[in-house]
Amino acid sequence: MTVAEIQTLIAGIEAGFLEEQSWRQWTELALLEVSPVPVWLVELYDAENTDAALAALYRGWRETQNDAPLNQSELCLGFLYLRYLAGNLTLQKLLLEAGDFSDKVNFVNPSCEAFYLLLNEYEGREGSPPYESKTFSERVESLFLSFAELAKKRFSSLQRAG
């Protein structure tokens, strides 16, 4: 188990991309691969919901990283966009959740305003430029593309590891 795997699990769960089956499957395989088994991994295996799973993963992060800061903002934004591409989020909900997330963690590249401005344009709010479907979609894609590529790569690695 690697720090990147723990980080990917945290971001995937927080973004609503990884469902219980995914993290449970990874955990079962990880339990077979490590010796001695860390307490946090047993807690993850026993987790009854995503809150308990995240608590165990954050404990694993702290134990693995010696309290180094965890910044999975790009991964979370990528997983949000993958949910949108899979049809599990509307465009409006994607932009709102990305803006809220970026605001909450003070993410600056792009800042929450980039997402909220696109949301205002999409909703046709006063003072926003007129909505044009083709160029709008391209702008949304360009905003999320690098994050989505990172999330796909990490998720793929997680599946190979698990």
C-alpha atoms as a PDB file:
ATOM      1  CA  MET A   1       0.000   0.000   0.000  1.00  0.00           C
ATOM      2  CA  THR A   2       1.341   3.385  -0.951  1.00  0.00           C
ATOM      3  CA  VAL A   3       0.745   6.964   0.052  1.00  0.00           C
ATOM      4  CA  ALA A   4      -0.661   7.578  -3.448  1.00  0.00           C
ATOM      5  CA  GLU A   5      -3.205   4.790  -2.936  1.00  0.00           C
ATOM      6  CA  ILE A   6      -4.342   6.243   0.383  1.00  0.00           C
ATOM      7  CA  GLN A   7      -4.584   9.711  -1.167  1.00  0.00           C
ATOM      8  CA  THR A   8      -6.572   8.361  -4.128  1.00  0.00           C
ATOM      9  CA  LEU A   9      -8.998   6.527  -1.861  1.00  0.00           C
ATOM     10  CA  ILE A  10      -9.563   9.644   0.245  1.00  0.00           C
ATOM     11  CA  ALA A  11     -10.134  11.883  -2.777  1.00  0.00           C
ATOM     12  CA  GLY A  12     -12.319   9.335  -4.560  1.00  0.00           C
ATOM     13  CA  ILE A  13     -14.548   8.831  -1.535  1.00  0.00           C
ATOM     14  CA  GLU A  14     -14.771  12.547  -0.711  1.00  0.00           C
ATOM     15  CA  ALA A  15     -15.739  13.360  -4.306  1.00  0.00           C
ATOM     16  CA  GLY A  16     -18.397  10.643  -4.295  1.00  0.00           C
ATOM     17  CA  PHE A  17     -16.640   8.756  -7.090  1.00  0.00           C
ATOM     18  CA  LEU A  18     -15.561   5.633  -5.200  1.00  0.00           C
ATOM     19  CA  GLU A  19     -18.403   3.575  -3.877  1.00  0.00           C
ATOM     20  CA  GLU A  20     -18.187   1.240  -0.930  1.00  0.00           C
ATOM     21  CA  GLN A  21     -17.551  -1.799  -3.109  1.00  0.00           C
ATOM     22  CA  SER A  22     -14.407  -0.207  -4.578  1.00  0.00           C
ATOM     23  CA  TRP A  23     -12.713   0.691  -1.320  1.00  0.00           C
ATOM     24  CA  ARG A  24     -13.762  -2.557   0.327  1.00  0.00           C
ATOM     25  CA  GLN A  25     -12.230  -4.577  -2.504  1.00  0.00           C
ATOM     26  CA  TRP A  26      -8.965  -2.636  -2.269  1.00  0.00           C
ATOM     27  CA  THR A  27      -8.924  -3.088   1.520  1.00  0.00           C
ATOM     28  CA  GLU A  28      -9.455  -6.845   1.352  1.00  0.00           C
ATOM     29  CA  LEU A  29      -6.527  -7.242  -1.031  1.00  0.00           C
ATOM     30  CA  ALA A  30      -4.334  -4.856   0.954  1.00  0.00           C
ATOM     31  CA  LEU A  31      -4.933  -6.900   4.115  1.00  0.00           C
ATOM     32  CA  LEU A  32      -3.534  -9.950   2.355  1.00  0.00           C
ATOM     33  CA  GLU A  33      -0.427  -8.091   1.186  1.00  0.00           C
ATOM     34  CA  VAL A  34       0.869  -6.360   4.324  1.00  0.00           C
ATOM     35  CA  SER A  35       2.490  -7.702   7.421  1.00  0.00           C
ATOM     36  CA  PRO A  36       2.124  -6.578  10.083  1.00  0.00           C
ATOM     37  CA  VAL A  37      -1.335  -5.209   9.381  1.00  0.00           C
ATOM     38  CA  PRO A  38      -1.698  -1.592  10.554  1.00  0.00           C
ATOM     39  CA  VAL A  39      -4.635  -0.769  12.818  1.00  0.00           C
ATOM     40  CA  TRP A  40      -6.009   1.826  10.400  1.00  0.00           C
ATOM     41  CA  LEU A  41      -6.319  -0.831   7.669  1.00  0.00           C
ATOM     42  CA  VAL A  42      -8.376  -3.048   9.993  1.00  0.00           C
ATOM     43  CA  GLU A  43     -10.522  -0.005  10.826  1.00  0.00           C
ATOM     44  CA  LEU A  44     -11.022   0.602   7.108  1.00  0.00           C
ATOM     45  CA  TYR A  45     -12.040  -3.026   6.632  1.00  0.00           C
ATOM     46  CA  ASP A  46     -14.514  -2.756   9.515  1.00  0.00           C
ATOM     47  CA  ALA A  47     -15.883   0.650   8.441  1.00  0.00           C
ATOM     48  CA  GLU A  48     -19.662   0.636   8.226  1.00  0.00           C
ATOM     49  CA  ASN A  49     -19.950   3.831   6.176  1.00  0.00           C
ATOM     50  CA  THR A  50     -17.886   6.354   4.241  1.00  0.00           C
ATOM     51  CA  ASP A  51     -17.346   8.587   7.275  1.00  0.00           C
ATOM     52  CA  ALA A  52     -15.738   5.711   9.162  1.00  0.00           C
ATOM     53  CA  ALA A  53     -13.751   4.747   6.058  1.00  0.00           C
ATOM     54  CA  LEU A  54     -12.434   8.294   5.692  1.00  0.00           C
ATOM     55  CA  ALA A  55     -11.494   8.420   9.383  1.00  0.00           C
ATOM     56  CA  ALA A  56      -9.474   5.228   8.972  1.00  0.00           C
ATOM     57  CA  LEU A  57      -7.825   6.493   5.777  1.00  0.00           C
ATOM     58  CA  TYR A  58      -6.882   9.811   7.360  1.00  0.00           C
ATOM     59  CA  ARG A  59      -5.344   7.882  10.242  1.00  0.00           C
ATOM     60  CA  GLY A  60      -3.418   5.810   7.708  1.00  0.00           C
ATOM     61  CA  TRP A  61      -2.286   8.996   5.993  1.00  0.00           C
ATOM     62  CA  ARG A  62      -1.027  10.472   9.262  1.00  0.00           C
ATOM     63  CA  GLU A  63       0.820   7.288  10.186  1.00  0.00           C
ATOM     64  CA  THR A  64       2.355   6.968   6.746  1.00  0.00           C
ATOM     65  CA  GLN A  65       3.225  10.634   6.255  1.00  0.00           C
ATOM     66  CA  ASN A  66       4.133  11.685   9.794  1.00  0.00           C
ATOM     67  CA  ASP A  67       1.548  14.485   9.707  1.00  0.00           C
ATOM     68  CA  ALA A  68       2.681  15.931   6.359  1.00  0.00           C
ATOM     69  CA  PRO A  69      -0.110  18.049   4.830  1.00  0.00           C
ATOM     70  CA  LEU A  70      -2.558  16.281   2.564  1.00  0.00           C
ATOM     71  CA  ASN A  71      -3.651  18.124  -0.549  1.00  0.00           C
ATOM     72  CA  GLN A  72      -5.831  16.086  -2.841  1.00  0.00           C
ATOM     73  CA  SER A  73      -7.663  19.052  -4.360  1.00  0.00           C
ATOM     74  CA  GLU A  74      -6.727  18.222  -7.936  1.00  0.00           C
ATOM     75  CA  LEU A  75      -7.773  14.598  -7.455  1.00  0.00           C
ATOM     76  CA  CYS A  76     -11.126  15.582  -5.921  1.00  0.00           C
ATOM     77  CA  LEU A  77     -11.872  17.953  -8.808  1.00  0.00           C
ATOM     78  CA  GLY A  78     -10.879  15.237 -11.273  1.00  0.00           C
ATOM     79  CA  PHE A  79     -13.141  12.688  -9.612  1.00  0.00           C
ATOM     80  CA  LEU A  80     -16.021  15.181  -9.644  1.00  0.00           C
ATOM     81  CA  TYR A  81     -15.544  15.638 -13.391  1.00  0.00           C
ATOM     82  CA  LEU A  82     -15.416  11.861 -13.927  1.00  0.00           C
ATOM     83  CA  ARG A  83     -18.744  11.594 -12.084  1.00  0.00           C
ATOM     84  CA  TYR A  84     -20.134  14.227 -14.469  1.00  0.00           C
ATOM     85  CA  LEU A  85     -18.805  12.372 -17.528  1.00  0.00           C
ATOM     86  CA  ALA A  86     -20.378   9.152 -16.242  1.00  0.00           C
ATOM     87  CA  GLY A  87     -23.748  10.916 -16.004  1.00  0.00           C
ATOM     88  CA  ASN A  88     -23.827  10.885 -12.201  1.00  0.00           C
ATOM     89  CA  LEU A  89     -23.717  14.699 -11.851  1.00  0.00           C
ATOM     90  CA  THR A  90     -25.478  17.384 -13.836  1.00  0.00           C
ATOM     91  CA  LEU A  91     -23.346  20.184 -15.240  1.00  0.00           C
ATOM     92  CA  GLN A  92     -24.940  22.592 -12.800  1.00  0.00           C
ATOM     93  CA  LYS A  93     -24.174  20.305  -9.836  1.00  0.00           C
ATOM     94  CA  LEU A  94     -20.602  19.733 -11.074  1.00  0.00           C
ATOM     95  CA  LEU A  95     -19.848  23.447 -11.190  1.00  0.00           C
ATOM     96  CA  LEU A  96     -21.520  24.089  -7.841  1.00  0.00           C
ATOM     97  CA  GLU A  97     -19.706  21.234  -6.067  1.00  0.00           C
ATOM     98  CA  ALA A  98     -16.368  22.174  -7.645  1.00  0.00           C
ATOM     99  CA  GLY A  99     -16.838  25.802  -6.609  1.00  0.00           C
ATOM    100  CA  ASP A 100     -17.875  24.840  -3.090  1.00  0.00           C
ATOM    101  CA  PHE A 101     -14.965  22.424  -2.760  1.00  0.00           C
ATOM    102  CA  SER A 102     -12.422  24.940  -4.066  1.00  0.00           C
ATOM    103  CA  ASP A 103     -13.785  27.577  -1.736  1.00  0.00           C
ATOM    104  CA  LYS A 104     -13.670  25.241   1.267  1.00  0.00           C
ATOM    105  CA  VAL A 105     -10.011  24.291   0.744  1.00  0.00           C
ATOM    106  CA  ASN A 106      -8.880  27.687  -0.611  1.00  0.00           C
ATOM    107  CA  PHE A 107      -7.775  26.093  -3.875  1.00  0.00           C
ATOM    108  CA  VAL A 108      -6.286  28.778  -6.106  1.00  0.00           C
ATOM    109  CA  ASN A 109      -5.634  27.224  -9.490  1.00  0.00           C
ATOM    110  CA  PRO A 110      -8.399  27.619 -10.464  1.00  0.00           C
ATOM    111  CA  SER A 111     -10.112  29.424  -7.648  1.00  0.00           C
ATOM    112  CA  CYS A 112     -13.738  28.886  -6.719  1.00  0.00           C
ATOM    113  CA  GLU A 113     -14.661  31.981  -8.721  1.00  0.00           C
ATOM    114  CA  ALA A 114     -13.815  30.215 -12.000  1.00  0.00           C
ATOM    115  CA  PHE A 115     -16.416  27.542 -11.265  1.00  0.00           C
ATOM    116  CA  TYR A 116     -19.012  29.987  -9.938  1.00  0.00           C
ATOM    117  CA  LEU A 117     -18.621  32.283 -12.975  1.00  0.00           C
ATOM    118  CA  LEU A 118     -19.281  29.347 -15.296  1.00  0.00           C
ATOM    119  CA  LEU A 119     -22.256  28.335 -13.174  1.00  0.00           C
ATOM    120  CA  ASN A 120     -23.681  31.857 -13.344  1.00  0.00           C
ATOM    121  CA  GLU A 121     -23.243  31.883 -17.122  1.00  0.00           C
ATOM    122  CA  TYR A 122     -24.888  28.467 -17.453  1.00  0.00           C
ATOM    123  CA  GLU A 123     -27.833  29.581 -15.329  1.00  0.00           C
ATOM    124  CA  GLY A 124     -28.131  32.852 -17.268  1.00  0.00           C
ATOM    125  CA  ARG A 125     -27.697  35.050 -14.229  1.00  0.00           C
ATOM    126  CA  GLU A 126     -27.722  38.801 -14.649  1.00  0.00           C
ATOM    127  CA  GLY A 127     -24.360  40.254 -15.675  1.00  0.00           C
ATOM    128  CA  SER A 128     -23.094  36.956 -17.092  1.00  0.00           C
ATOM    129  CA  PRO A 129     -22.118  36.569 -20.739  1.00  0.00           C
ATOM    130  CA  PRO A 130     -24.687  34.809 -22.925  1.00  0.00           C
ATOM    131  CA  TYR A 131     -24.554  31.022 -22.734  1.00  0.00           C
ATOM    132  CA  GLU A 132     -23.269  29.301 -25.885  1.00  0.00           C
ATOM    133  CA  SER A 133     -23.383  25.521 -25.584  1.00  0.00           C
ATOM    134  CA  LYS A 134     -20.375  24.558 -27.761  1.00  0.00           C
ATOM    135  CA  THR A 135     -17.843  27.042 -26.431  1.00  0.00           C
ATOM    136  CA  PHE A 136     -19.153  26.619 -22.909  1.00  0.00           C
ATOM    137  CA  SER A 137     -18.599  22.850 -22.979  1.00  0.00           C
ATOM    138  CA  GLU A 138     -15.077  23.364 -24.289  1.00  0.00           C
ATOM    139  CA  ARG A 139     -14.302  25.812 -21.490  1.00  0.00           C
ATOM    140  CA  VAL A 140     -15.629  23.431 -18.836  1.00  0.00           C
ATOM    141  CA  GLU A 141     -13.607  20.569 -20.297  1.00  0.00           C
ATOM    142  CA  SER A 142     -10.418  22.625 -20.422  1.00  0.00           C
ATOM    143  CA  LEU A 143     -10.916  23.646 -16.795  1.00  0.00           C
ATOM    144  CA  PHE A 144     -11.220  20.047 -15.593  1.00  0.00           C
ATOM    145  CA  LEU A 145      -9.147  18.087 -18.127  1.00  0.00           C
ATOM    146  CA  SER A 146      -5.807  17.893 -16.303  1.00  0.00           C
ATOM    147  CA  PHE A 147      -7.562  17.028 -13.037  1.00  0.00           C
ATOM    148  CA  ALA A 148      -9.595  14.286 -14.726  1.00  0.00           C
ATOM    149  CA  GLU A 149      -6.476  12.808 -16.338  1.00  0.00           C
ATOM    150  CA  LEU A 150      -4.760  12.661 -12.951  1.00  0.00           C
ATOM    151  CA  ALA A 151      -7.815  11.035 -11.344  1.00  0.00           C
ATOM    152  CA  LYS A 152      -8.084   8.449 -14.162  1.00  0.00           C
ATOM    153  CA  LYS A 153      -4.405   7.592 -13.838  1.00  0.00           C
ATOM    154  CA  ARG A 154      -4.583   7.238 -10.051  1.00  0.00           C
ATOM    155  CA  PHE A 155      -7.823   5.233 -10.212  1.00  0.00           C
ATOM    156  CA  SER A 156      -6.298   2.910 -12.785  1.00  0.00           C
ATOM    157  CA  SER A 157      -3.266   2.385 -10.533  1.00  0.00           C
ATOM    158  CA  LEU A 158      -5.559   1.723  -7.599  1.00  0.00           C
ATOM    159  CA  GLN A 159      -7.444  -0.928  -9.559  1.00  0.00           C
ATOM    160  CA  ARG A 160      -4.190  -2.646 -10.584  1.00  0.00           C
ATOM    161  CA  ALA A 161      -2.979  -2.581  -6.983  1.00  0.00           C
ATOM    162  CA  GLY A 162      -6.273  -3.882  -5.647  1.00  0.00           C
END
